[in-house]
PDB file of N, CA and C in Angstrom:
ATOM      1  N   UNK A   1       0.843  -1.186   0.000  1.00  0.00           N
ATOM      2  CA  UNK A   1       0.000   0.000   0.000  1.00  0.00           C
ATOM      3  C   UNK A   1       0.881   1.240   0.000  1.00  0.00           C
ATOM      4  N   UNK A   2       0.611   2.135  -0.947  1.00  0.00           N
ATOM      5  CA  UNK A   2       1.391   3.362  -1.051  1.00  0.00           C
ATOM      6  C   UNK A   2       1.033   4.290   0.104  1.00  0.00           C
ATOM      7  N   UNK A   3       2.063   4.840   0.729  1.00  0.00           N
ATOM      8  CA  UNK A   3       1.806   5.708   1.877  1.00  0.00           C
ATOM      9  C   UNK A   3       2.951   6.711   2.044  1.00  0.00           C
ATOM     10  N   UNK A   4       2.593   7.920   2.453  1.00  0.00           N
ATOM     11  CA  UNK A   4       3.563   8.930   2.857  1.00  0.00           C
ATOM     12  C   UNK A   4       3.251   9.293   4.295  1.00  0.00           C
ATOM     13  N   UNK A   5       4.243   9.235   5.144  1.00  0.00           N
ATOM     14  CA  UNK A   5       4.041   9.525   6.556  1.00  0.00           C
ATOM     15  C   UNK A   5       4.947  10.664   6.972  1.00  0.00           C
ATOM     16  N   UNK A   6       4.319  11.775   7.371  1.00  0.00           N
ATOM     17  CA  UNK A   6       5.090  12.925   7.854  1.00  0.00           C
ATOM     18  C   UNK A   6       5.276  12.830   9.360  1.00  0.00           C
ATOM     19  N   UNK A   7       6.360  13.388   9.832  1.00  0.00           N
ATOM     20  CA  UNK A   7       6.622  13.460  11.267  1.00  0.00           C
ATOM     21  C   UNK A   7       7.543  14.643  11.527  1.00  0.00           C
ATOM     22  N   UNK A   8       7.675  14.995  12.787  1.00  0.00           N
ATOM     23  CA  UNK A   8       8.595  16.047  13.168  1.00  0.00           C
ATOM     24  C   UNK A   8       7.954  17.367  13.524  1.00  0.00           C
ATOM     25  N   UNK A   9       6.654  17.473  13.334  1.00  0.00           N
ATOM     26  CA  UNK A   9       5.985  18.715  13.684  1.00  0.00           C
ATOM     27  C   UNK A   9       5.899  18.881  15.194  1.00  0.00           C
ATOM     28  N   UNK A  10       5.481  20.063  15.609  1.00  0.00           N
ATOM     29  CA  UNK A  10       5.348  20.309  17.034  1.00  0.00           C
ATOM     30  C   UNK A  10       5.257  21.783  17.335  1.00  0.00           C
ATOM     31  N   UNK A  11       5.438  22.101  18.605  1.00  0.00           N
ATOM     32  CA  UNK A  11       5.388  23.481  19.084  1.00  0.00           C
ATOM     33  C   UNK A  11       6.802  23.973  19.339  1.00  0.00           C
ATOM     34  N   UNK A  12       7.127  25.133  18.806  1.00  0.00           N
ATOM     35  CA  UNK A  12       8.460  25.700  18.970  1.00  0.00           C
ATOM     36  C   UNK A  12       8.334  27.207  19.133  1.00  0.00           C
ATOM     37  N   UNK A  13       9.281  27.801  19.827  1.00  0.00           N
ATOM     38  CA  UNK A  13       9.278  29.252  19.983  1.00  0.00           C
ATOM     39  C   UNK A  13       9.840  29.925  18.737  1.00  0.00           C
ATOM     40  N   UNK A  14       9.442  31.152  18.531  1.00  0.00           N
ATOM     41  CA  UNK A  14       9.973  31.918  17.407  1.00  0.00           C
ATOM     42  C   UNK A  14      11.497  31.950  17.478  1.00  0.00           C
ATOM     43  N   UNK A  15      12.109  31.774  16.309  1.00  0.00           N
ATOM     44  CA  UNK A  15      13.559  31.705  16.232  1.00  0.00           C
ATOM     45  C   UNK A  15      14.105  30.298  16.330  1.00  0.00           C
ATOM     46  N   UNK A  16      13.255  29.358  16.678  1.00  0.00           N
ATOM     47  CA  UNK A  16      13.685  27.970  16.833  1.00  0.00           C
ATOM     48  C   UNK A  16      13.709  27.216  15.519  1.00  0.00           C
ATOM     49  N   UNK A  17      13.971  25.916  15.643  1.00  0.00           N
ATOM     50  CA  UNK A  17      14.106  25.066  14.464  1.00  0.00           C
ATOM     51  C   UNK A  17      13.320  23.775  14.633  1.00  0.00           C
ATOM     52  N   UNK A  18      12.914  23.225  13.506  1.00  0.00           N
ATOM     53  CA  UNK A  18      12.304  21.909  13.449  1.00  0.00           C
ATOM     54  C   UNK A  18      12.762  21.221  12.173  1.00  0.00           C
ATOM     55  N   UNK A  19      12.770  19.903  12.196  1.00  0.00           N
ATOM     56  CA  UNK A  19      13.028  19.142  10.976  1.00  0.00           C
ATOM     57  C   UNK A  19      11.864  18.194  10.743  1.00  0.00           C
ATOM     58  N   UNK A  20      11.213  18.381   9.604  1.00  0.00           N
ATOM     59  CA  UNK A  20      10.113  17.499   9.212  1.00  0.00           C
ATOM     60  C   UNK A  20      10.655  16.369   8.346  1.00  0.00           C
ATOM     61  N   UNK A  21      10.048  15.206   8.512  1.00  0.00           N
ATOM     62  CA  UNK A  21      10.404  14.050   7.688  1.00  0.00           C
ATOM     63  C   UNK A  21       9.179  13.553   6.949  1.00  0.00           C
ATOM     64  N   UNK A  22       9.400  13.037   5.767  1.00  0.00           N
ATOM     65  CA  UNK A  22       8.328  12.447   4.957  1.00  0.00           C
ATOM     66  C   UNK A  22       8.857  11.126   4.426  1.00  0.00           C
ATOM     67  N   UNK A  23       8.356  10.039   4.987  1.00  0.00           N
ATOM     68  CA  UNK A  23       8.842   8.714   4.631  1.00  0.00           C
ATOM     69  C   UNK A  23       7.830   8.001   3.746  1.00  0.00           C
ATOM     70  N   UNK A  24       8.320   7.409   2.681  1.00  0.00           N
ATOM     71  CA  UNK A  24       7.462   6.636   1.782  1.00  0.00           C
ATOM     72  C   UNK A  24       7.495   5.172   2.169  1.00  0.00           C
ATOM     73  N   UNK A  25       6.338   4.551   2.138  1.00  0.00           N
ATOM     74  CA  UNK A  25       6.273   3.112   2.375  1.00  0.00           C
ATOM     75  C   UNK A  25       5.453   2.459   1.279  1.00  0.00           C
ATOM     76  N   UNK A  26       5.764   1.212   0.996  1.00  0.00           N
ATOM     77  CA  UNK A  26       5.076   0.524  -0.078  1.00  0.00           C
ATOM     78  C   UNK A  26       5.410   1.087  -1.443  1.00  0.00           C
ATOM     79  N   UNK A  27       6.409   1.922  -1.500  1.00  0.00           N
ATOM     80  CA  UNK A  27       6.738   2.629  -2.737  1.00  0.00           C
ATOM     81  C   UNK A  27       8.100   3.269  -2.591  1.00  0.00           C
ATOM     82  N   UNK A  28       8.568   3.834  -3.687  1.00  0.00           N
ATOM     83  CA  UNK A  28       9.796   4.616  -3.642  1.00  0.00           C
ATOM     84  C   UNK A  28       9.553   5.960  -4.300  1.00  0.00           C
ATOM     85  N   UNK A  29      10.293   6.957  -3.868  1.00  0.00           N
ATOM     86  CA  UNK A  29      10.216   8.267  -4.507  1.00  0.00           C
ATOM     87  C   UNK A  29      10.758   8.132  -5.927  1.00  0.00           C
ATOM     88  N   UNK A  30       9.949   8.544  -6.896  1.00  0.00           N
ATOM     89  CA  UNK A  30      10.347   8.344  -8.286  1.00  0.00           C
ATOM     90  C   UNK A  30      10.550   9.638  -9.041  1.00  0.00           C
ATOM     91  N   UNK A  31      10.233  10.741  -8.448  1.00  0.00           N
ATOM     92  CA  UNK A  31      10.348  12.011  -9.167  1.00  0.00           C
ATOM     93  C   UNK A  31      10.413  13.159  -8.195  1.00  0.00           C
ATOM     94  N   UNK A  32       9.554  14.147  -8.426  1.00  0.00           N
ATOM     95  CA  UNK A  32       9.557  15.336  -7.578  1.00  0.00           C
ATOM     96  C   UNK A  32       8.908  15.069  -6.222  1.00  0.00           C
ATOM     97  N   UNK A  33       9.393  15.789  -5.228  1.00  0.00           N
ATOM     98  CA  UNK A  33       8.770  15.780  -3.902  1.00  0.00           C
ATOM     99  C   UNK A  33       8.646  17.226  -3.445  1.00  0.00           C
ATOM    100  N   UNK A  34       7.560  17.524  -2.776  1.00  0.00           N
ATOM    101  CA  UNK A  34       7.300  18.901  -2.375  1.00  0.00           C
ATOM    102  C   UNK A  34       6.727  18.932  -0.960  1.00  0.00           C
ATOM    103  N   UNK A  35       6.954  20.048  -0.312  1.00  0.00           N
ATOM    104  CA  UNK A  35       6.284  20.354   0.947  1.00  0.00           C
ATOM    105  C   UNK A  35       5.355  21.533   0.710  1.00  0.00           C
ATOM    106  N   UNK A  36       4.134  21.391   1.163  1.00  0.00           N
ATOM    107  CA  UNK A  36       3.153  22.459   1.147  1.00  0.00           C
ATOM    108  C   UNK A  36       2.764  22.750   2.593  1.00  0.00           C
ATOM    109  N   UNK A  37       2.105  23.883   2.783  1.00  0.00           N
ATOM    110  CA  UNK A  37       1.543  24.169   4.096  1.00  0.00           C
ATOM    111  C   UNK A  37       0.216  24.900   3.939  1.00  0.00           C
ATOM    112  N   UNK A  38      -0.614  24.734   4.941  1.00  0.00           N
ATOM    113  CA  UNK A  38      -1.908  25.412   4.935  1.00  0.00           C
ATOM    114  C   UNK A  38      -2.224  25.906   6.336  1.00  0.00           C
ATOM    115  N   UNK A  39      -2.360  27.216   6.447  1.00  0.00           N
ATOM    116  CA  UNK A  39      -2.732  27.838   7.713  1.00  0.00           C
ATOM    117  C   UNK A  39      -4.250  28.009   7.740  1.00  0.00           C
ATOM    118  N   UNK A  40      -4.847  28.114   8.919  1.00  0.00           N
ATOM    119  CA  UNK A  40      -6.301  28.279   9.015  1.00  0.00           C
ATOM    120  C   UNK A  40      -6.783  29.482   8.217  1.00  0.00           C
ATOM    121  N   UNK A  41      -7.791  29.254   7.394  1.00  0.00           N
ATOM    122  CA  UNK A  41      -8.368  30.324   6.618  1.00  0.00           C
ATOM    123  C   UNK A  41      -7.565  30.744   5.402  1.00  0.00           C
ATOM    124  N   UNK A  42      -6.477  30.026   5.116  1.00  0.00           N
ATOM    125  CA  UNK A  42      -5.636  30.384   3.973  1.00  0.00           C
ATOM    126  C   UNK A  42      -5.550  29.229   2.988  1.00  0.00           C
ATOM    127  N   UNK A  43      -5.151  29.565   1.773  1.00  0.00           N
ATOM    128  CA  UNK A  43      -4.961  28.552   0.753  1.00  0.00           C
ATOM    129  C   UNK A  43      -3.680  27.762   1.010  1.00  0.00           C
ATOM    130  N   UNK A  44      -3.653  26.551   0.519  1.00  0.00           N
ATOM    131  CA  UNK A  44      -2.437  25.754   0.621  1.00  0.00           C
ATOM    132  C   UNK A  44      -1.374  26.390  -0.258  1.00  0.00           C
ATOM    133  N   UNK A  45      -0.162  26.513   0.246  1.00  0.00           N
ATOM    134  CA  UNK A  45       0.911  27.135  -0.514  1.00  0.00           C
ATOM    135  C   UNK A  45       2.123  26.216  -0.570  1.00  0.00           C
ATOM    136  N   UNK A  46       2.865  26.346  -1.668  1.00  0.00           N
ATOM    137  CA  UNK A  46       4.082  25.585  -1.845  1.00  0.00           C
ATOM    138  C   UNK A  46       5.187  26.168  -0.965  1.00  0.00           C
ATOM    139  N   UNK A  47       5.823  25.314  -0.192  1.00  0.00           N
ATOM    140  CA  UNK A  47       6.932  25.733   0.661  1.00  0.00           C
ATOM    141  C   UNK A  47       8.262  25.459  -0.025  1.00  0.00           C
ATOM    142  N   UNK A  48       8.422  24.225  -0.494  1.00  0.00           N
ATOM    143  CA  UNK A  48       9.698  23.843  -1.113  1.00  0.00           C
ATOM    144  C   UNK A  48       9.487  22.611  -1.979  1.00  0.00           C
ATOM    145  N   UNK A  49      10.350  22.467  -2.984  1.00  0.00           N
ATOM    146  CA  UNK A  49      10.294  21.303  -3.843  1.00  0.00           C
ATOM    147  C   UNK A  49      11.692  20.824  -4.184  1.00  0.00           C
ATOM    148  N   UNK A  50      11.792  19.541  -4.495  1.00  0.00           N
ATOM    149  CA  UNK A  50      13.071  18.959  -4.884  1.00  0.00           C
ATOM    150  C   UNK A  50      12.823  17.943  -5.987  1.00  0.00           C
ATOM    151  N   UNK A  51      13.660  17.981  -7.014  1.00  0.00           N
ATOM    152  CA  UNK A  51      13.510  17.044  -8.122  1.00  0.00           C
ATOM    153  C   UNK A  51      14.279  15.762  -7.820  1.00  0.00           C
ATOM    154  N   UNK A  52      14.119  14.784  -8.698  1.00  0.00           N
ATOM    155  CA  UNK A  52      14.853  13.540  -8.529  1.00  0.00           C
ATOM    156  C   UNK A  52      16.350  13.754  -8.657  1.00  0.00           C
ATOM    157  N   UNK A  53      16.720  14.803  -9.380  1.00  0.00           N
ATOM    158  CA  UNK A  53      18.136  15.122  -9.541  1.00  0.00           C
ATOM    159  C   UNK A  53      18.701  15.999  -8.442  1.00  0.00           C
ATOM    160  N   UNK A  54      17.834  16.430  -7.536  1.00  0.00           N
ATOM    161  CA  UNK A  54      18.310  17.211  -6.397  1.00  0.00           C
ATOM    162  C   UNK A  54      18.167  18.720  -6.544  1.00  0.00           C
ATOM    163  N   UNK A  55      17.603  19.193  -7.645  1.00  0.00           N
ATOM    164  CA  UNK A  55      17.374  20.628  -7.787  1.00  0.00           C
ATOM    165  C   UNK A  55      16.240  21.045  -6.852  1.00  0.00           C
ATOM    166  N   UNK A  56      16.397  22.229  -6.271  1.00  0.00           N
ATOM    167  CA  UNK A  56      15.426  22.679  -5.271  1.00  0.00           C
ATOM    168  C   UNK A  56      14.829  24.035  -5.638  1.00  0.00           C
ATOM    169  N   UNK A  57      13.654  24.285  -5.103  1.00  0.00           N
ATOM    170  CA  UNK A  57      13.037  25.605  -5.211  1.00  0.00           C
ATOM    171  C   UNK A  57      12.260  25.871  -3.943  1.00  0.00           C
ATOM    172  N   UNK A  58      12.075  27.152  -3.626  1.00  0.00           N
ATOM    173  CA  UNK A  58      11.460  27.543  -2.369  1.00  0.00           C
ATOM    174  C   UNK A  58      10.457  28.675  -2.571  1.00  0.00           C
ATOM    175  N   UNK A  59       9.458  28.688  -1.689  1.00  0.00           N
ATOM    176  CA  UNK A  59       8.562  29.822  -1.652  1.00  0.00           C
ATOM    177  C   UNK A  59       9.315  31.039  -1.146  1.00  0.00           C
ATOM    178  N   UNK A  60       8.902  32.222  -1.588  1.00  0.00           N
ATOM    179  CA  UNK A  60       9.621  33.442  -1.222  1.00  0.00           C
ATOM    180  C   UNK A  60       9.683  33.647   0.288  1.00  0.00           C
ATOM    181  N   UNK A  61       8.642  33.241   0.992  1.00  0.00           N
ATOM    182  CA  UNK A  61       8.577  33.513   2.422  1.00  0.00           C
ATOM    183  C   UNK A  61       9.519  32.642   3.247  1.00  0.00           C
ATOM    184  N   UNK A  62      10.065  31.588   2.653  1.00  0.00           N
ATOM    185  CA  UNK A  62      10.930  30.689   3.427  1.00  0.00           C
ATOM    186  C   UNK A  62      12.361  30.632   2.894  1.00  0.00           C
ATOM    187  N   UNK A  63      12.631  31.332   1.805  1.00  0.00           N
ATOM    188  CA  UNK A  63      13.981  31.299   1.235  1.00  0.00           C
ATOM    189  C   UNK A  63      15.007  31.764   2.259  1.00  0.00           C
ATOM    190  N   UNK A  64      16.090  31.002   2.348  1.00  0.00           N
ATOM    191  CA  UNK A  64      17.146  31.346   3.288  1.00  0.00           C
ATOM    192  C   UNK A  64      16.931  30.798   4.685  1.00  0.00           C
ATOM    193  N   UNK A  65      15.741  30.285   4.960  1.00  0.00           N
ATOM    194  CA  UNK A  65      15.449  29.753   6.294  1.00  0.00           C
ATOM    195  C   UNK A  65      15.168  28.244   6.260  1.00  0.00           C
ATOM    196  N   UNK A  66      14.549  27.767   5.191  1.00  0.00           N
ATOM    197  CA  UNK A  66      14.179  26.359   5.069  1.00  0.00           C
ATOM    198  C   UNK A  66      15.059  25.674   4.050  1.00  0.00           C
ATOM    199  N   UNK A  67      15.305  24.389   4.269  1.00  0.00           N
ATOM    200  CA  UNK A  67      16.080  23.584   3.339  1.00  0.00           C
ATOM    201  C   UNK A  67      15.399  22.238   3.134  1.00  0.00           C
ATOM    202  N   UNK A  68      15.133  21.914   1.865  1.00  0.00           N
ATOM    203  CA  UNK A  68      14.561  20.614   1.525  1.00  0.00           C
ATOM    204  C   UNK A  68      15.682  19.695   1.061  1.00  0.00           C
ATOM    205  N   UNK A  69      15.598  18.430   1.441  1.00  0.00           N
ATOM    206  CA  UNK A  69      16.604  17.460   1.020  1.00  0.00           C
ATOM    207  C   UNK A  69      15.950  16.089   0.914  1.00  0.00           C
ATOM    208  N   UNK A  70      16.650  15.171   0.284  1.00  0.00           N
ATOM    209  CA  UNK A  70      16.109  13.827   0.158  1.00  0.00           C
ATOM    210  C   UNK A  70      17.214  12.817   0.380  1.00  0.00           C
ATOM    211  N   UNK A  71      16.863  11.706   0.980  1.00  0.00           N
ATOM    212  CA  UNK A  71      17.785  10.601   1.194  1.00  0.00           C
ATOM    213  C   UNK A  71      17.160   9.386   0.510  1.00  0.00           C
ATOM    214  N   UNK A  72      17.634   9.085  -0.684  1.00  0.00           N
ATOM    215  CA  UNK A  72      17.027   8.001  -1.449  1.00  0.00           C
ATOM    216  C   UNK A  72      17.231   6.646  -0.779  1.00  0.00           C
ATOM    217  N   UNK A  73      18.327   6.486  -0.096  1.00  0.00           N
ATOM    218  CA  UNK A  73      18.586   5.218   0.588  1.00  0.00           C
ATOM    219  C   UNK A  73      17.585   4.993   1.721  1.00  0.00           C
ATOM    220  N   UNK A  74      17.197   6.097   2.380  1.00  0.00           N
ATOM    221  CA  UNK A  74      16.222   6.016   3.472  1.00  0.00           C
ATOM    222  C   UNK A  74      14.789   6.194   2.975  1.00  0.00           C
ATOM    223  N   UNK A  75      14.648   6.508   1.679  1.00  0.00           N
ATOM    224  CA  UNK A  75      13.324   6.720   1.100  1.00  0.00           C
ATOM    225  C   UNK A  75      12.559   7.803   1.857  1.00  0.00           C
ATOM    226  N   UNK A  76      13.272   8.895   2.141  1.00  0.00           N
ATOM    227  CA  UNK A  76      12.710   9.956   2.981  1.00  0.00           C
ATOM    228  C   UNK A  76      13.093  11.322   2.411  1.00  0.00           C
ATOM    229  N   UNK A  77      12.161  12.250   2.514  1.00  0.00           N
ATOM    230  CA  UNK A  77      12.401  13.645   2.173  1.00  0.00           C
ATOM    231  C   UNK A  77      12.303  14.461   3.458  1.00  0.00           C
ATOM    232  N   UNK A  78      13.168  15.441   3.592  1.00  0.00           N
ATOM    233  CA  UNK A  78      13.227  16.243   4.813  1.00  0.00           C
ATOM    234  C   UNK A  78      12.965  17.715   4.509  1.00  0.00           C
ATOM    235  N   UNK A  79      12.514  18.414   5.525  1.00  0.00           N
ATOM    236  CA  UNK A  79      12.400  19.870   5.466  1.00  0.00           C
ATOM    237  C   UNK A  79      12.990  20.419   6.760  1.00  0.00           C
ATOM    238  N   UNK A  80      14.168  21.011   6.637  1.00  0.00           N
ATOM    239  CA  UNK A  80      14.818  21.645   7.771  1.00  0.00           C
ATOM    240  C   UNK A  80      14.327  23.084   7.839  1.00  0.00           C
ATOM    241  N   UNK A  81      13.756  23.452   9.000  1.00  0.00           N
ATOM    242  CA  UNK A  81      13.174  24.782   9.151  1.00  0.00           C
ATOM    243  C   UNK A  81      13.897  25.515  10.272  1.00  0.00           C
ATOM    244  N   UNK A  82      14.526  26.612   9.925  1.00  0.00           N
ATOM    245  CA  UNK A  82      15.260  27.422  10.895  1.00  0.00           C
ATOM    246  C   UNK A  82      14.653  28.823  10.986  1.00  0.00           C
ATOM    247  N   UNK A  83      15.019  29.534  12.042  1.00  0.00           N
ATOM    248  CA  UNK A  83      14.534  30.906  12.245  1.00  0.00           C
ATOM    249  C   UNK A  83      13.029  30.980  12.084  1.00  0.00           C
ATOM    250  N   UNK A  84      12.343  30.081  12.725  1.00  0.00           N
ATOM    251  CA  UNK A  84      10.892  29.990  12.550  1.00  0.00           C
ATOM    252  C   UNK A  84      10.186  31.225  13.085  1.00  0.00           C
ATOM    253  N   UNK A  85       9.102  31.575  12.405  1.00  0.00           N
ATOM    254  CA  UNK A  85       8.305  32.740  12.745  1.00  0.00           C
ATOM    255  C   UNK A  85       6.870  32.293  13.047  1.00  0.00           C
ATOM    256  N   UNK A  86       6.142  33.076  13.816  1.00  0.00           N
ATOM    257  CA  UNK A  86       4.741  32.711  14.072  1.00  0.00           C
ATOM    258  C   UNK A  86       3.934  32.503  12.789  1.00  0.00           C
ATOM    259  N   UNK A  87       4.264  33.240  11.745  1.00  0.00           N
ATOM    260  CA  UNK A  87       3.535  33.090  10.480  1.00  0.00           C
ATOM    261  C   UNK A  87       3.858  31.799   9.750  1.00  0.00           C
ATOM    262  N   UNK A  88       4.810  31.025  10.248  1.00  0.00           N
ATOM    263  CA  UNK A  88       5.079  29.697   9.692  1.00  0.00           C
ATOM    264  C   UNK A  88       4.121  28.651  10.262  1.00  0.00           C
ATOM    265  N   UNK A  89       3.312  29.041  11.218  1.00  0.00           N
ATOM    266  CA  UNK A  89       2.356  28.123  11.814  1.00  0.00           C
ATOM    267  C   UNK A  89       1.363  27.630  10.769  1.00  0.00           C
ATOM    268  N   UNK A  90       1.269  26.315  10.638  1.00  0.00           N
ATOM    269  CA  UNK A  90       0.405  25.711   9.620  1.00  0.00           C
ATOM    270  C   UNK A  90       0.475  24.194   9.738  1.00  0.00           C
ATOM    271  N   UNK A  91      -0.390  23.528   9.004  1.00  0.00           N
ATOM    272  CA  UNK A  91      -0.236  22.092   8.786  1.00  0.00           C
ATOM    273  C   UNK A  91       0.637  21.919   7.550  1.00  0.00           C
ATOM    274  N   UNK A  92       1.668  21.136   7.687  1.00  0.00           N
ATOM    275  CA  UNK A  92       2.613  20.903   6.596  1.00  0.00           C
ATOM    276  C   UNK A  92       2.351  19.544   5.968  1.00  0.00           C
ATOM    277  N   UNK A  93       2.261  19.555   4.641  1.00  0.00           N
ATOM    278  CA  UNK A  93       1.947  18.344   3.885  1.00  0.00           C
ATOM    279  C   UNK A  93       3.080  17.997   2.929  1.00  0.00           C
ATOM    280  N   UNK A  94       3.341  16.721   2.830  1.00  0.00           N
ATOM    281  CA  UNK A  94       4.306  16.204   1.870  1.00  0.00           C
ATOM    282  C   UNK A  94       3.538  15.691   0.654  1.00  0.00           C
ATOM    283  N   UNK A  95       4.054  15.995  -0.514  1.00  0.00           N
ATOM    284  CA  UNK A  95       3.456  15.546  -1.774  1.00  0.00           C
ATOM    285  C   UNK A  95       4.572  15.016  -2.657  1.00  0.00           C
ATOM    286  N   UNK A  96       4.384  13.830  -3.230  1.00  0.00           N
ATOM    287  CA  UNK A  96       5.493  13.254  -3.991  1.00  0.00           C
ATOM    288  C   UNK A  96       5.006  12.324  -5.090  1.00  0.00           C
ATOM    289  N   UNK A  97       5.862  12.178  -6.099  1.00  0.00           N
ATOM    290  CA  UNK A  97       5.669  11.166  -7.132  1.00  0.00           C
ATOM    291  C   UNK A  97       6.227   9.861  -6.581  1.00  0.00           C
ATOM    292  N   UNK A  98       5.385   8.844  -6.559  1.00  0.00           N
ATOM    293  CA  UNK A  98       5.786   7.562  -5.981  1.00  0.00           C
ATOM    294  C   UNK A  98       5.614   6.435  -6.996  1.00  0.00           C
ATOM    295  N   UNK A  99       6.497   5.458  -6.909  1.00  0.00           N
ATOM    296  CA  UNK A  99       6.387   4.245  -7.717  1.00  0.00           C
ATOM    297  C   UNK A  99       6.023   3.110  -6.776  1.00  0.00           C
ATOM    298  N   UNK A 100       4.849   2.540  -7.000  1.00  0.00           N
ATOM    299  CA  UNK A 100       4.345   1.517  -6.100  1.00  0.00           C
ATOM    300  C   UNK A 100       5.108   0.206  -6.256  1.00  0.00           C
ATOM    301  N   UNK A 101       5.472  -0.377  -5.110  1.00  0.00           N
ATOM    302  CA  UNK A 101       6.179  -1.657  -5.146  1.00  0.00           C
ATOM    303  C   UNK A 101       5.244  -2.805  -5.547  1.00  0.00           C
ATOM    304  N   UNK A 102       3.953  -2.629  -5.321  1.00  0.00           N
ATOM    305  CA  UNK A 102       3.027  -3.745  -5.542  1.00  0.00           C
ATOM    306  C   UNK A 102       2.468  -3.768  -6.957  1.00  0.00           C
ATOM    307  N   UNK A 103       1.870  -2.665  -7.401  1.00  0.00           N
ATOM    308  CA  UNK A 103       1.238  -2.680  -8.717  1.00  0.00           C
ATOM    309  C   UNK A 103       2.093  -2.039  -9.803  1.00  0.00           C
ATOM    310  N   UNK A 104       3.282  -1.558  -9.406  1.00  0.00           N
ATOM    311  CA  UNK A 104       4.254  -1.021 -10.375  1.00  0.00           C
ATOM    312  C   UNK A 104       3.695   0.159 -11.157  1.00  0.00           C
ATOM    313  N   UNK A 105       2.839   0.928 -10.493  1.00  0.00           N
ATOM    314  CA  UNK A 105       2.279   2.120 -11.120  1.00  0.00           C
ATOM    315  C   UNK A 105       2.811   3.364 -10.423  1.00  0.00           C
ATOM    316  N   UNK A 106       2.678   4.491 -11.113  1.00  0.00           N
ATOM    317  CA  UNK A 106       3.115   5.768 -10.561  1.00  0.00           C
ATOM    318  C   UNK A 106       1.929   6.463  -9.909  1.00  0.00           C
ATOM    319  N   UNK A 107       2.188   7.144  -8.808  1.00  0.00           N
ATOM    320  CA  UNK A 107       1.149   7.868  -8.101  1.00  0.00           C
ATOM    321  C   UNK A 107       1.649   9.247  -7.692  1.00  0.00           C
ATOM    322  N   UNK A 108       0.728  10.187  -7.724  1.00  0.00           N
ATOM    323  CA  UNK A 108       0.962  11.509  -7.130  1.00  0.00           C
ATOM    324  C   UNK A 108       0.266  11.456  -5.767  1.00  0.00           C
ATOM    325  N   UNK A 109       1.053  11.390  -4.697  1.00  0.00           N
ATOM    326  CA  UNK A 109       0.492  11.057  -3.391  1.00  0.00           C
ATOM    327  C   UNK A 109       0.704  12.170  -2.387  1.00  0.00           C
ATOM    328  N   UNK A 110      -0.225  12.255  -1.424  1.00  0.00           N
ATOM    329  CA  UNK A 110      -0.138  13.235  -0.346  1.00  0.00           C
ATOM    330  C   UNK A 110      -0.065  12.533   1.000  1.00  0.00           C
ATOM    331  N   UNK A 111       0.680  13.112   1.909  1.00  0.00           N
ATOM    332  CA  UNK A 111       0.686  12.641   3.282  1.00  0.00           C
ATOM    333  C   UNK A 111      -0.474  13.240   4.048  1.00  0.00           C
ATOM    334  N   UNK A 112      -0.593  12.841   5.303  1.00  0.00           N
ATOM    335  CA  UNK A 112      -1.735  13.254   6.117  1.00  0.00           C
ATOM    336  C   UNK A 112      -1.525  14.611   6.775  1.00  0.00           C
ATOM    337  N   UNK A 113      -0.305  15.108   6.755  1.00  0.00           N
ATOM    338  CA  UNK A 113      -0.014  16.415   7.327  1.00  0.00           C
ATOM    339  C   UNK A 113       0.519  16.327   8.744  1.00  0.00           C
ATOM    340  N   UNK A 114       1.327  17.313   9.100  1.00  0.00           N
ATOM    341  CA  UNK A 114       1.854  17.420  10.457  1.00  0.00           C
ATOM    342  C   UNK A 114       1.782  18.883  10.895  1.00  0.00           C
ATOM    343  N   UNK A 115       1.330  19.098  12.106  1.00  0.00           N
ATOM    344  CA  UNK A 115       1.105  20.464  12.590  1.00  0.00           C
ATOM    345  C   UNK A 115       2.408  21.082  13.083  1.00  0.00           C
ATOM    346  N   UNK A 116       2.667  22.295  12.635  1.00  0.00           N
ATOM    347  CA  UNK A 116       3.779  23.095  13.139  1.00  0.00           C
ATOM    348  C   UNK A 116       3.187  24.365  13.738  1.00  0.00           C
ATOM    349  N   UNK A 117       3.516  24.612  14.995  1.00  0.00           N
ATOM    350  CA  UNK A 117       3.033  25.799  15.677  1.00  0.00           C
ATOM    351  C   UNK A 117       4.221  26.567  16.230  1.00  0.00           C
ATOM    352  N   UNK A 118       4.321  27.834  15.853  1.00  0.00           N
ATOM    353  CA  UNK A 118       5.417  28.688  16.300  1.00  0.00           C
ATOM    354  C   UNK A 118       4.841  29.773  17.200  1.00  0.00           C
ATOM    355  N   UNK A 119       5.281  29.783  18.431  1.00  0.00           N
ATOM    356  CA  UNK A 119       4.780  30.770  19.386  1.00  0.00           C
ATOM    357  C   UNK A 119       5.678  32.000  19.404  1.00  0.00           C
ATOM    358  N   UNK A 120       5.062  33.137  19.667  1.00  0.00           N
ATOM    359  CA  UNK A 120       5.830  34.396  19.672  1.00  0.00           C
ATOM    360  C   UNK A 120       6.399  34.701  21.045  1.00  0.00           C
TER     361      UNK A 120
END
């Protein structure tokens, strides 16, 4: 069964750091992986993306503070978040192209989300 499981969210003070993880199970990362976030009452926005070749892109609001990376051996994508601000508070979602180990098909899959709360 194809699955993406996020972890690492929590409560942190402004200026602090968190590292989010997105682990694939029943599948392998086969292409692009992205982190999105959605705050209450706001649209979901792209935070960061990484290609299979390792090229990265970031939303303007997180450039210089967040870093996306991937470990193909661990089948995991990470989001390192530094200098966190209260406006970074949101549910963070992992989205990735996955190749299923069982049916050998490609999927565009979403994780269930992990809450990040930054207190001022």
